[in-house]
Amino acid sequence: MTAEHTRRQISGTLIYIVKNEQVLLLRRVKKKNDTHEGKYVGLGGKIEAGESPLECAVREVREESGLKISPDKIRFKGHINCPEFDRQGNDWMVFVYLATDYSGELLKDCAEGYL
């Protein structure tokens, strides 16, 4: 972290979708300078201004996978604090969710990696 950088608190979501004892993961290989490059991760991302963590979880699942999950079918499991987590040295607070019910078909191509 450089002396000019002001450490920020960023809030995000992480959603695990489980069905028949299988977990949907995303292998992050398509974005340049990705903190998670090459890793297998759950779906999720940054919470946008005016958006609740639950709204973010629903949106991120739809954007990254094409699947639709109803907010009442998502269970909050906890949160994780990650100090100096990203390449810029920002702190992240991540809301973790579990979903076992969804509709729709998986995208054939995800902008961030392979489902």
N, C-alpha and C. Protein backbone atom coordinates (compact mmCIF):
# COMPACT_ATOMS: atom_id res chain seq x y z
N MET A 1 0.85 -1.17 0.00
CA MET A 1 0.00 0.00 0.00
C MET A 1 0.89 1.23 0.00
N THR A 2 0.56 2.20 -0.85
CA THR A 2 1.37 3.41 -0.92
C THR A 2 0.95 4.40 0.16
N ALA A 3 1.83 5.36 0.43
CA ALA A 3 1.55 6.35 1.46
C ALA A 3 0.34 7.20 1.09
N GLU A 4 0.08 7.40 -0.23
CA GLU A 4 -1.03 8.23 -0.68
C GLU A 4 -2.37 7.50 -0.58
N HIS A 5 -2.35 6.20 -0.48
CA HIS A 5 -3.58 5.42 -0.48
C HIS A 5 -4.29 5.51 0.87
N THR A 6 -5.58 5.82 0.82
CA THR A 6 -6.41 5.80 2.01
C THR A 6 -7.16 4.49 2.02
N ARG A 7 -6.94 3.73 3.04
CA ARG A 7 -7.61 2.43 3.16
C ARG A 7 -9.10 2.63 3.27
N ARG A 8 -9.87 1.91 2.46
CA ARG A 8 -11.32 2.03 2.47
C ARG A 8 -11.95 0.74 2.99
N GLN A 9 -13.15 0.87 3.51
CA GLN A 9 -13.97 -0.28 3.90
C GLN A 9 -14.91 -0.56 2.73
N ILE A 10 -14.82 -1.73 2.16
CA ILE A 10 -15.68 -2.13 1.06
C ILE A 10 -16.55 -3.28 1.54
N SER A 11 -17.84 -3.19 1.24
CA SER A 11 -18.77 -4.25 1.62
C SER A 11 -19.13 -5.07 0.39
N GLY A 12 -19.21 -6.38 0.59
CA GLY A 12 -19.54 -7.26 -0.52
C GLY A 12 -20.33 -8.46 -0.03
N THR A 13 -20.64 -9.32 -0.98
CA THR A 13 -21.39 -10.54 -0.68
C THR A 13 -20.67 -11.75 -1.25
N LEU A 14 -20.95 -12.89 -0.66
CA LEU A 14 -20.44 -14.17 -1.12
C LEU A 14 -21.59 -15.15 -0.95
N ILE A 15 -21.98 -15.79 -2.05
CA ILE A 15 -23.15 -16.66 -2.03
C ILE A 15 -22.73 -18.06 -2.50
N TYR A 16 -23.04 -19.03 -1.67
CA TYR A 16 -22.81 -20.43 -2.04
C TYR A 16 -24.16 -21.04 -2.42
N ILE A 17 -24.22 -21.60 -3.62
CA ILE A 17 -25.43 -22.27 -4.09
C ILE A 17 -25.16 -23.76 -4.03
N VAL A 18 -26.00 -24.47 -3.27
CA VAL A 18 -25.80 -25.90 -3.04
C VAL A 18 -27.04 -26.66 -3.50
N LYS A 19 -26.81 -27.74 -4.26
CA LYS A 19 -27.90 -28.62 -4.68
C LYS A 19 -27.34 -30.02 -4.85
N ASN A 20 -28.05 -31.00 -4.30
CA ASN A 20 -27.62 -32.40 -4.38
C ASN A 20 -26.17 -32.58 -3.93
N GLU A 21 -25.81 -31.94 -2.84
CA GLU A 21 -24.47 -32.02 -2.25
C GLU A 21 -23.37 -31.50 -3.17
N GLN A 22 -23.74 -30.67 -4.15
CA GLN A 22 -22.76 -30.03 -5.03
C GLN A 22 -22.84 -28.53 -4.82
N VAL A 23 -21.69 -27.86 -4.92
CA VAL A 23 -21.61 -26.42 -4.72
C VAL A 23 -21.19 -25.76 -6.03
N LEU A 24 -21.94 -24.73 -6.44
CA LEU A 24 -21.59 -23.98 -7.63
C LEU A 24 -20.45 -23.03 -7.30
N LEU A 25 -19.34 -23.17 -8.00
CA LEU A 25 -18.19 -22.29 -7.81
C LEU A 25 -17.82 -21.63 -9.13
N LEU A 26 -17.09 -20.56 -9.04
CA LEU A 26 -16.62 -19.82 -10.19
C LEU A 26 -15.10 -19.82 -10.17
N ARG A 27 -14.49 -20.30 -11.25
CA ARG A 27 -13.02 -20.25 -11.36
C ARG A 27 -12.67 -18.94 -12.03
N ARG A 28 -12.04 -18.05 -11.27
CA ARG A 28 -11.76 -16.69 -11.73
C ARG A 28 -10.51 -16.67 -12.60
N VAL A 29 -10.71 -16.52 -13.90
CA VAL A 29 -9.57 -16.52 -14.82
C VAL A 29 -9.68 -15.48 -15.93
N LYS A 30 -10.71 -14.65 -15.94
CA LYS A 30 -10.93 -13.77 -17.09
C LYS A 30 -10.66 -12.29 -16.85
N LYS A 31 -10.49 -11.85 -15.60
CA LYS A 31 -10.28 -10.43 -15.32
C LYS A 31 -8.80 -10.15 -15.05
N LYS A 32 -8.30 -9.06 -15.62
CA LYS A 32 -6.91 -8.67 -15.37
C LYS A 32 -6.77 -8.14 -13.95
N ASN A 33 -5.64 -8.40 -13.34
CA ASN A 33 -5.31 -7.93 -11.99
C ASN A 33 -6.37 -8.32 -10.96
N ASP A 34 -6.90 -9.50 -11.09
CA ASP A 34 -7.95 -10.00 -10.20
C ASP A 34 -7.31 -10.54 -8.93
N THR A 35 -7.76 -10.06 -7.77
CA THR A 35 -7.26 -10.55 -6.49
C THR A 35 -7.45 -12.06 -6.38
N HIS A 36 -8.51 -12.57 -7.01
CA HIS A 36 -8.85 -14.00 -6.91
C HIS A 36 -8.43 -14.81 -8.14
N GLU A 37 -7.56 -14.28 -8.96
CA GLU A 37 -7.19 -14.94 -10.20
C GLU A 37 -6.76 -16.39 -9.97
N GLY A 38 -7.39 -17.29 -10.75
CA GLY A 38 -7.06 -18.71 -10.69
C GLY A 38 -7.74 -19.47 -9.56
N LYS A 39 -8.45 -18.78 -8.69
CA LYS A 39 -9.08 -19.43 -7.54
C LYS A 39 -10.52 -19.83 -7.86
N TYR A 40 -10.99 -20.81 -7.11
CA TYR A 40 -12.40 -21.21 -7.16
C TYR A 40 -13.10 -20.50 -6.01
N VAL A 41 -14.13 -19.72 -6.33
CA VAL A 41 -14.83 -18.93 -5.32
C VAL A 41 -16.33 -19.08 -5.49
N GLY A 42 -17.07 -18.70 -4.45
CA GLY A 42 -18.51 -18.59 -4.57
C GLY A 42 -18.84 -17.36 -5.40
N LEU A 43 -20.11 -17.17 -5.68
CA LEU A 43 -20.53 -16.00 -6.45
C LEU A 43 -20.64 -14.80 -5.52
N GLY A 44 -20.59 -13.61 -6.07
CA GLY A 44 -20.74 -12.42 -5.25
C GLY A 44 -19.94 -11.26 -5.76
N GLY A 45 -20.00 -10.16 -5.01
CA GLY A 45 -19.28 -8.97 -5.41
C GLY A 45 -19.61 -7.80 -4.52
N LYS A 46 -19.23 -6.61 -4.99
CA LYS A 46 -19.40 -5.38 -4.22
C LYS A 46 -20.87 -4.99 -4.10
N ILE A 47 -21.21 -4.47 -2.94
CA ILE A 47 -22.55 -3.92 -2.72
C ILE A 47 -22.56 -2.51 -3.31
N GLU A 48 -23.54 -2.25 -4.16
CA GLU A 48 -23.65 -0.94 -4.79
C GLU A 48 -24.36 0.05 -3.87
N ALA A 49 -24.17 1.34 -4.12
CA ALA A 49 -24.80 2.39 -3.31
C ALA A 49 -26.31 2.20 -3.30
N GLY A 50 -26.90 2.25 -2.10
CA GLY A 50 -28.34 2.12 -1.95
C GLY A 50 -28.86 0.69 -1.99
N GLU A 51 -27.97 -0.26 -2.10
CA GLU A 51 -28.34 -1.68 -2.22
C GLU A 51 -28.08 -2.38 -0.89
N SER A 52 -29.00 -3.23 -0.48
CA SER A 52 -28.79 -4.03 0.73
C SER A 52 -27.90 -5.22 0.39
N PRO A 53 -27.27 -5.83 1.39
CA PRO A 53 -26.48 -7.04 1.11
C PRO A 53 -27.32 -8.13 0.44
N LEU A 54 -28.56 -8.31 0.86
CA LEU A 54 -29.42 -9.33 0.25
C LEU A 54 -29.73 -9.00 -1.21
N GLU A 55 -30.02 -7.75 -1.49
CA GLU A 55 -30.27 -7.33 -2.88
C GLU A 55 -29.03 -7.57 -3.74
N CYS A 56 -27.86 -7.29 -3.18
CA CYS A 56 -26.61 -7.52 -3.89
C CYS A 56 -26.43 -9.00 -4.19
N ALA A 57 -26.72 -9.86 -3.22
CA ALA A 57 -26.57 -11.30 -3.42
C ALA A 57 -27.44 -11.78 -4.57
N VAL A 58 -28.69 -11.35 -4.60
CA VAL A 58 -29.62 -11.74 -5.67
C VAL A 58 -29.09 -11.26 -7.02
N ARG A 59 -28.65 -9.99 -7.09
CA ARG A 59 -28.15 -9.41 -8.33
C ARG A 59 -26.89 -10.12 -8.82
N GLU A 60 -25.95 -10.33 -7.92
CA GLU A 60 -24.68 -10.95 -8.31
C GLU A 60 -24.88 -12.37 -8.84
N VAL A 61 -25.76 -13.13 -8.21
CA VAL A 61 -26.02 -14.49 -8.69
C VAL A 61 -26.59 -14.44 -10.10
N ARG A 62 -27.54 -13.52 -10.33
CA ARG A 62 -28.14 -13.39 -11.66
C ARG A 62 -27.10 -12.97 -12.69
N GLU A 63 -26.28 -11.97 -12.36
CA GLU A 63 -25.28 -11.47 -13.31
C GLU A 63 -24.21 -12.50 -13.62
N GLU A 64 -23.73 -13.19 -12.60
CA GLU A 64 -22.59 -14.10 -12.79
C GLU A 64 -22.98 -15.48 -13.30
N SER A 65 -24.20 -15.92 -12.96
CA SER A 65 -24.56 -17.30 -13.32
C SER A 65 -25.79 -17.43 -14.20
N GLY A 66 -26.63 -16.39 -14.25
CA GLY A 66 -27.89 -16.47 -14.97
C GLY A 66 -29.01 -17.07 -14.14
N LEU A 67 -28.70 -17.57 -12.95
CA LEU A 67 -29.71 -18.18 -12.09
C LEU A 67 -30.47 -17.09 -11.33
N LYS A 68 -31.73 -17.39 -11.03
CA LYS A 68 -32.57 -16.48 -10.26
C LYS A 68 -32.83 -17.11 -8.90
N ILE A 69 -32.56 -16.33 -7.86
CA ILE A 69 -32.86 -16.80 -6.51
C ILE A 69 -33.79 -15.79 -5.84
N SER A 70 -34.76 -16.29 -5.16
CA SER A 70 -35.70 -15.45 -4.45
C SER A 70 -35.09 -15.04 -3.12
N PRO A 71 -35.21 -13.76 -2.74
CA PRO A 71 -34.63 -13.31 -1.47
C PRO A 71 -35.08 -14.13 -0.26
N ASP A 72 -36.29 -14.65 -0.31
CA ASP A 72 -36.77 -15.43 0.85
C ASP A 72 -36.22 -16.86 0.86
N LYS A 73 -35.45 -17.22 -0.16
CA LYS A 73 -34.83 -18.55 -0.23
C LYS A 73 -33.34 -18.51 0.08
N ILE A 74 -32.83 -17.33 0.44
CA ILE A 74 -31.41 -17.16 0.76
C ILE A 74 -31.27 -17.06 2.27
N ARG A 75 -30.31 -17.80 2.82
CA ARG A 75 -30.08 -17.75 4.27
C ARG A 75 -28.76 -17.05 4.57
N PHE A 76 -28.82 -16.09 5.45
CA PHE A 76 -27.62 -15.40 5.91
C PHE A 76 -26.86 -16.34 6.84
N LYS A 77 -25.56 -16.53 6.58
CA LYS A 77 -24.76 -17.45 7.39
C LYS A 77 -23.72 -16.74 8.25
N GLY A 78 -23.45 -15.47 7.98
CA GLY A 78 -22.48 -14.74 8.78
C GLY A 78 -21.74 -13.72 7.94
N HIS A 79 -20.75 -13.10 8.54
CA HIS A 79 -19.92 -12.17 7.76
C HIS A 79 -18.45 -12.39 8.10
N ILE A 80 -17.63 -11.97 7.17
CA ILE A 80 -16.18 -12.14 7.29
C ILE A 80 -15.55 -10.76 7.15
N ASN A 81 -14.63 -10.43 8.03
CA ASN A 81 -13.86 -9.20 7.89
C ASN A 81 -12.48 -9.57 7.36
N CYS A 82 -12.08 -8.89 6.29
CA CYS A 82 -10.81 -9.19 5.63
C CYS A 82 -9.98 -7.91 5.56
N PRO A 83 -9.11 -7.66 6.55
CA PRO A 83 -8.29 -6.45 6.53
C PRO A 83 -7.26 -6.49 5.40
N GLU A 84 -7.09 -5.34 4.76
CA GLU A 84 -6.12 -5.18 3.66
C GLU A 84 -6.21 -6.33 2.67
N PHE A 85 -7.42 -6.60 2.22
CA PHE A 85 -7.70 -7.80 1.44
C PHE A 85 -7.33 -7.69 -0.04
N ASP A 86 -7.64 -6.57 -0.67
CA ASP A 86 -7.41 -6.49 -2.11
C ASP A 86 -6.04 -5.90 -2.43
N ARG A 87 -5.76 -5.77 -3.70
CA ARG A 87 -4.44 -5.30 -4.15
C ARG A 87 -4.17 -3.84 -3.76
N GLN A 88 -5.24 -3.09 -3.45
CA GLN A 88 -5.07 -1.70 -3.03
C GLN A 88 -4.97 -1.56 -1.51
N GLY A 89 -5.07 -2.66 -0.80
CA GLY A 89 -4.96 -2.63 0.65
C GLY A 89 -6.24 -2.25 1.37
N ASN A 90 -7.38 -2.35 0.68
CA ASN A 90 -8.66 -2.01 1.30
C ASN A 90 -9.15 -3.14 2.21
N ASP A 91 -9.90 -2.74 3.23
CA ASP A 91 -10.56 -3.70 4.12
C ASP A 91 -11.90 -4.09 3.50
N TRP A 92 -12.23 -5.36 3.59
CA TRP A 92 -13.51 -5.84 3.07
C TRP A 92 -14.32 -6.44 4.21
N MET A 93 -15.63 -6.19 4.20
CA MET A 93 -16.57 -6.87 5.05
C MET A 93 -17.52 -7.61 4.10
N VAL A 94 -17.55 -8.93 4.22
CA VAL A 94 -18.29 -9.76 3.27
C VAL A 94 -19.43 -10.48 3.99
N PHE A 95 -20.65 -10.31 3.47
CA PHE A 95 -21.83 -10.99 3.98
C PHE A 95 -21.96 -12.33 3.24
N VAL A 96 -22.03 -13.41 3.99
CA VAL A 96 -22.02 -14.76 3.41
C VAL A 96 -23.44 -15.34 3.46
N TYR A 97 -23.86 -15.88 2.32
CA TYR A 97 -25.20 -16.44 2.18
C TYR A 97 -25.15 -17.85 1.62
N LEU A 98 -26.23 -18.59 1.85
CA LEU A 98 -26.42 -19.94 1.31
C LEU A 98 -27.77 -19.98 0.61
N ALA A 99 -27.79 -20.53 -0.58
CA ALA A 99 -29.05 -20.72 -1.32
C ALA A 99 -29.10 -22.17 -1.79
N THR A 100 -30.26 -22.78 -1.63
CA THR A 100 -30.44 -24.17 -2.07
C THR A 100 -31.58 -24.29 -3.07
N ASP A 101 -32.23 -23.18 -3.39
CA ASP A 101 -33.35 -23.18 -4.31
C ASP A 101 -33.16 -22.05 -5.31
N TYR A 102 -33.31 -22.34 -6.58
CA TYR A 102 -33.11 -21.34 -7.63
C TYR A 102 -33.89 -21.77 -8.86
N SER A 103 -33.96 -20.87 -9.83
CA SER A 103 -34.59 -21.20 -11.10
C SER A 103 -33.69 -20.69 -12.22
N GLY A 104 -33.98 -21.13 -13.43
CA GLY A 104 -33.20 -20.67 -14.58
C GLY A 104 -32.11 -21.65 -14.96
N GLU A 105 -31.42 -21.28 -16.01
CA GLU A 105 -30.33 -22.09 -16.55
C GLU A 105 -29.01 -21.36 -16.38
N LEU A 106 -27.97 -22.12 -16.13
CA LEU A 106 -26.63 -21.57 -15.97
C LEU A 106 -26.16 -20.93 -17.27
N LEU A 107 -25.52 -19.78 -17.16
CA LEU A 107 -24.93 -19.14 -18.34
C LEU A 107 -23.86 -20.05 -18.94
N LYS A 108 -23.74 -20.00 -20.23
CA LYS A 108 -22.68 -20.76 -20.89
C LYS A 108 -21.35 -20.01 -20.80
N ASP A 109 -21.42 -18.68 -20.65
CA ASP A 109 -20.21 -17.88 -20.58
C ASP A 109 -20.37 -16.81 -19.50
N CYS A 110 -19.44 -16.77 -18.58
CA CYS A 110 -19.43 -15.79 -17.49
C CYS A 110 -18.24 -14.86 -17.72
N ALA A 111 -18.44 -13.56 -17.56
CA ALA A 111 -17.39 -12.58 -17.82
C ALA A 111 -16.20 -12.70 -16.89
N GLU A 112 -16.37 -13.35 -15.73
CA GLU A 112 -15.29 -13.40 -14.74
C GLU A 112 -14.53 -14.72 -14.73
N GLY A 113 -15.08 -15.76 -15.34
CA GLY A 113 -14.40 -17.04 -15.31
C GLY A 113 -15.32 -18.15 -15.74
N TYR A 114 -15.06 -19.34 -15.23
CA TYR A 114 -15.81 -20.54 -15.63
C TYR A 114 -16.61 -21.07 -14.45
N LEU A 115 -17.91 -21.28 -14.68
CA LEU A 115 -18.79 -21.81 -13.64
C LEU A 115 -18.62 -23.32 -13.56
